[in-house]
Amino acid sequence: MWGWQRAAPGSLGAADTARVEAVVRDYVLAHPEIIPEAMDRLRDREMGKTIAANRKAILEPFDGAWIGNPKGDVTLVEYFDYNCGYCRASLPTIAQLIERDPNVKVVFRELPILSEESVVAAKLSLAAAAQGKFKVLHDALYAGGPLTPQSMAAAAKQAGLDMTKAAAMAPRAEAEIAANRGIAQQLGMNGTPSWVIGNKVVSAALPLDELEKAVKAAREKS
């Protein structure tokens, strides 16, 4: 048996340590392609720690702001803005994912960053979630196109939203939006839509196959 196979951790002398470090350095210089992979793994590991530290604030929906299987083995979280065209374009993709994978739960988190109208729509959406009318209002707000006072009023009417109750819960909605913005900043989200899938964060509009790959990877690691 070779001597290095017997060596206990930390038992290498200074000369041996220097030789090992030189071998590692030479290997990295000869194979620089491993550096991005190592950086990706480090970033994923650190991101996983941040997600774990904020798991409840990320995964547990605000009242009824979710669709899919309530007991799904993978939870996909979308941080979105109602004035975001890419978020609007993601609607059919999410619907297809739910249809093709009945074991997924999708949680929606308000991240109004594009306009003042985005904030108003987010508060309406949270009120709808509290009143059990999230999905109807969610779809209606997007169907109305770019947000205007008129389009939001029409969506609220279509959903049958109780505006008195909506106004009363404004402080709670504002606290939720502030919390979401804080989490988004910690997770390094740089736009909408942004997704939390397992221990990964992606800020981009993802096609169905990419969402399915991410869900599969999260499922395998759970």
Protein backbone atom coordinates (compact mmCIF):
# COMPACT_ATOMS: atom_id res chain seq x y z
CA MET A 1 0.00 0.00 0.00
CA TRP A 2 1.36 3.38 -0.95
CA GLY A 3 2.31 5.76 1.82
CA TRP A 4 -0.15 8.44 0.73
CA GLN A 5 -2.99 5.94 1.04
CA ARG A 6 -2.14 5.52 4.72
CA ALA A 7 -1.75 9.19 5.49
CA ALA A 8 -4.31 10.61 7.86
CA PRO A 9 -6.00 13.88 6.93
CA GLY A 10 -3.79 16.82 7.70
CA SER A 11 -0.69 14.62 8.11
CA LEU A 12 1.12 15.80 4.96
CA GLY A 13 4.32 17.67 5.51
CA ALA A 14 4.97 21.11 4.06
CA ALA A 15 6.91 19.70 1.10
CA ASP A 16 4.19 17.16 0.26
CA THR A 17 1.49 19.82 0.57
CA ALA A 18 3.40 22.08 -1.80
CA ARG A 19 3.72 19.24 -4.35
CA VAL A 20 -0.02 18.48 -4.15
CA GLU A 21 -0.87 22.14 -4.58
CA ALA A 22 1.43 22.34 -7.58
CA VAL A 23 -0.23 19.30 -9.18
CA VAL A 24 -3.69 20.77 -8.63
CA ARG A 25 -2.60 24.14 -10.00
CA ASP A 26 -1.06 22.59 -13.09
CA TYR A 27 -4.19 20.53 -13.69
CA VAL A 28 -6.46 23.55 -13.44
CA LEU A 29 -4.22 25.55 -15.78
CA ALA A 30 -4.24 22.67 -18.25
CA HIS A 31 -8.02 22.25 -17.99
CA PRO A 32 -9.48 25.73 -17.47
CA GLU A 33 -12.85 24.47 -18.70
CA ILE A 34 -13.49 23.04 -15.22
CA ILE A 35 -13.49 26.51 -13.66
CA PRO A 36 -17.01 27.53 -14.85
CA GLU A 37 -18.35 24.16 -13.68
CA ALA A 38 -16.75 24.65 -10.28
CA MET A 39 -18.15 28.17 -10.06
CA ASP A 40 -21.61 26.93 -11.02
CA ARG A 41 -21.48 24.28 -8.30
CA LEU A 42 -20.34 26.81 -5.73
CA ARG A 43 -23.10 29.22 -6.75
CA ASP A 44 -25.72 26.45 -6.61
CA ARG A 45 -24.49 25.40 -3.17
CA GLU A 46 -24.68 28.94 -1.82
CA MET A 47 -28.06 29.48 -3.48
CA GLY A 48 -29.31 26.29 -1.87
CA LYS A 49 -28.33 27.66 1.53
CA THR A 50 -30.22 30.90 0.90
CA ILE A 51 -33.31 29.04 -0.30
CA ALA A 52 -33.18 26.73 2.72
CA ALA A 53 -32.92 29.70 5.08
CA ASN A 54 -36.02 31.26 3.48
CA ARG A 55 -37.89 28.10 2.56
CA LYS A 56 -41.19 29.03 4.18
CA ALA A 57 -41.25 32.53 2.68
CA ILE A 58 -40.57 31.06 -0.77
CA LEU A 59 -42.54 27.82 -0.92
CA GLU A 60 -45.62 28.52 1.17
CA PRO A 61 -48.12 30.43 -0.98
CA PHE A 62 -49.96 33.55 0.04
CA ASP A 63 -53.41 32.11 0.69
CA GLY A 64 -54.74 30.80 -2.65
CA ALA A 65 -51.93 32.02 -4.92
CA TRP A 66 -51.07 28.61 -6.33
CA ILE A 67 -52.25 25.99 -8.82
CA GLY A 68 -51.58 22.32 -9.44
CA ASN A 69 -51.26 19.51 -6.96
CA PRO A 70 -51.38 20.75 -3.34
CA LYS A 71 -49.31 17.71 -2.34
CA GLY A 72 -46.99 17.74 -5.34
CA ASP A 73 -43.51 16.38 -4.80
CA VAL A 74 -41.96 19.40 -6.56
CA THR A 75 -42.94 23.02 -6.00
CA LEU A 76 -42.18 25.49 -8.76
CA VAL A 77 -42.22 29.12 -7.63
CA GLU A 78 -42.69 31.96 -10.11
CA TYR A 79 -41.85 35.55 -9.13
CA PHE A 80 -43.78 37.69 -11.60
CA ASP A 81 -45.06 41.12 -12.58
CA TYR A 82 -48.43 41.69 -14.25
CA ASN A 83 -46.89 44.25 -16.62
CA CYS A 84 -44.26 41.73 -17.77
CA GLY A 85 -44.85 40.45 -21.29
CA TYR A 86 -42.57 37.47 -20.68
CA CYS A 87 -44.65 36.53 -17.64
CA ARG A 88 -47.79 36.76 -19.74
CA ALA A 89 -46.18 34.54 -22.38
CA SER A 90 -45.36 31.98 -19.68
CA LEU A 91 -49.04 31.38 -18.83
CA PRO A 92 -49.64 28.64 -21.43
CA THR A 93 -46.28 27.06 -20.59
CA ILE A 94 -47.23 26.75 -16.93
CA ALA A 95 -50.63 25.35 -17.89
CA GLN A 96 -48.96 22.73 -20.10
CA LEU A 97 -46.54 21.79 -17.33
CA ILE A 98 -49.41 21.22 -14.89
CA GLU A 99 -51.28 19.17 -17.47
CA ARG A 100 -48.28 17.01 -18.33
CA ASP A 101 -47.01 16.60 -14.77
CA PRO A 102 -49.83 16.13 -12.23
CA ASN A 103 -47.33 15.95 -9.38
CA VAL A 104 -46.21 19.59 -9.56
CA LYS A 105 -47.41 22.52 -7.48
CA VAL A 106 -46.90 26.04 -8.82
CA VAL A 107 -46.70 28.92 -6.34
CA PHE A 108 -47.03 32.50 -7.59
CA ARG A 109 -45.18 35.30 -5.80
CA GLU A 110 -45.85 38.94 -6.57
CA LEU A 111 -42.76 40.89 -7.63
CA PRO A 112 -44.06 44.21 -9.00
CA ILE A 113 -40.95 45.98 -10.27
CA LEU A 114 -41.91 47.46 -13.65
CA SER A 115 -44.44 50.19 -12.85
CA GLU A 116 -46.78 51.71 -10.30
CA GLU A 117 -49.60 49.86 -12.05
CA SER A 118 -47.72 46.64 -11.30
CA VAL A 119 -47.99 47.39 -7.58
CA VAL A 120 -51.72 48.07 -7.81
CA ALA A 121 -52.25 44.84 -9.75
CA ALA A 122 -50.18 42.89 -7.23
CA LYS A 123 -52.35 44.15 -4.37
CA LEU A 124 -55.50 43.18 -6.27
CA SER A 125 -54.02 39.75 -6.93
CA LEU A 126 -53.20 39.18 -3.28
CA ALA A 127 -56.69 40.28 -2.31
CA ALA A 128 -58.07 37.80 -4.83
CA ALA A 129 -55.88 35.06 -3.34
CA ALA A 130 -57.32 35.84 0.08
CA GLN A 131 -60.85 35.66 -1.34
CA GLY A 132 -60.29 32.37 -3.17
CA LYS A 133 -60.38 34.06 -6.60
CA PHE A 134 -56.70 34.19 -7.49
CA LYS A 135 -56.67 32.20 -10.75
CA VAL A 136 -59.62 34.05 -12.29
CA LEU A 137 -58.11 37.46 -11.55
CA HIS A 138 -54.61 36.30 -12.52
CA ASP A 139 -55.76 35.28 -15.99
CA ALA A 140 -58.00 38.32 -16.40
CA LEU A 141 -55.23 40.78 -15.54
CA TYR A 142 -52.93 39.25 -18.13
CA ALA A 143 -55.70 38.99 -20.73
CA GLY A 144 -56.28 42.73 -20.39
CA GLY A 145 -52.85 43.52 -21.82
CA PRO A 146 -50.63 46.31 -20.45
CA LEU A 147 -52.03 47.47 -17.14
CA THR A 148 -54.31 50.47 -16.96
CA PRO A 149 -56.83 51.53 -14.30
CA GLN A 150 -59.57 50.47 -16.69
CA SER A 151 -58.11 47.02 -17.43
CA MET A 152 -57.54 46.32 -13.73
CA ALA A 153 -61.06 47.43 -12.80
CA ALA A 154 -62.46 45.15 -15.51
CA ALA A 155 -60.39 42.20 -14.27
CA ALA A 156 -61.51 42.78 -10.68
CA LYS A 157 -65.14 42.90 -11.80
CA GLN A 158 -64.74 39.73 -13.86
CA ALA A 159 -63.28 37.92 -10.84
CA GLY A 160 -66.04 39.18 -8.57
CA LEU A 161 -63.52 40.76 -6.23
CA ASP A 162 -64.87 42.39 -3.07
CA MET A 163 -63.09 45.74 -3.26
CA THR A 164 -63.98 46.70 0.33
CA LYS A 165 -62.21 43.62 1.62
CA ALA A 166 -59.35 44.26 -0.81
CA ALA A 167 -58.83 47.75 0.57
CA ALA A 168 -58.94 46.50 4.15
CA MET A 169 -56.11 44.03 3.56
CA ALA A 170 -53.80 46.55 1.87
CA PRO A 171 -51.26 46.57 4.77
CA ARG A 172 -50.97 42.78 4.61
CA ALA A 173 -50.52 42.91 0.82
CA GLU A 174 -47.84 45.59 1.14
CA ALA A 175 -45.97 43.48 3.69
CA GLU A 176 -46.09 40.48 1.36
CA ILE A 177 -44.75 42.50 -1.58
CA ALA A 178 -41.93 43.91 0.57
CA ALA A 179 -41.01 40.42 1.76
CA ASN A 180 -40.96 39.09 -1.80
CA ARG A 181 -38.70 41.91 -2.93
CA GLY A 182 -36.32 41.19 -0.08
CA ILE A 183 -36.14 37.49 -0.93
CA ALA A 184 -35.70 38.26 -4.63
CA GLN A 185 -32.75 40.49 -3.79
CA GLN A 186 -31.16 37.79 -1.65
CA LEU A 187 -31.60 35.28 -4.48
CA GLY A 188 -30.04 37.60 -7.04
CA MET A 189 -33.12 37.76 -9.25
CA ASN A 190 -32.56 40.28 -12.03
CA GLY A 191 -35.98 40.40 -13.66
CA THR A 192 -39.29 38.69 -14.18
CA PRO A 193 -40.24 35.99 -14.55
CA SER A 194 -37.83 34.42 -12.07
CA TRP A 195 -38.19 30.86 -10.89
CA VAL A 196 -37.19 28.89 -7.83
CA ILE A 197 -37.06 25.20 -8.68
CA GLY A 198 -35.53 22.97 -6.05
CA ASN A 199 -32.27 24.68 -5.12
CA LYS A 200 -31.94 26.62 -8.36
CA VAL A 201 -32.95 30.15 -9.30
CA VAL A 202 -33.44 31.14 -12.93
CA SER A 203 -34.36 34.64 -14.12
CA ALA A 204 -35.71 34.10 -17.62
CA ALA A 205 -38.78 33.04 -19.55
CA LEU A 206 -38.29 29.28 -19.84
CA PRO A 207 -39.76 27.03 -22.54
CA LEU A 208 -41.67 23.94 -21.47
CA ASP A 209 -38.80 21.53 -21.98
CA GLU A 210 -36.49 23.61 -19.78
CA LEU A 211 -39.08 23.79 -17.01
CA GLU A 212 -39.58 20.04 -17.22
CA LYS A 213 -35.82 19.43 -17.03
CA ALA A 214 -35.58 21.65 -13.97
CA VAL A 215 -38.51 19.91 -12.30
CA LYS A 216 -36.97 16.52 -13.08
CA ALA A 217 -33.63 17.57 -11.58
CA ALA A 218 -35.33 18.90 -8.44
CA ARG A 219 -37.34 15.68 -8.12
CA GLU A 220 -34.21 13.53 -8.40
CA LYS A 221 -32.46 15.53 -5.66
CA SER A 222 -35.39 15.53 -3.26
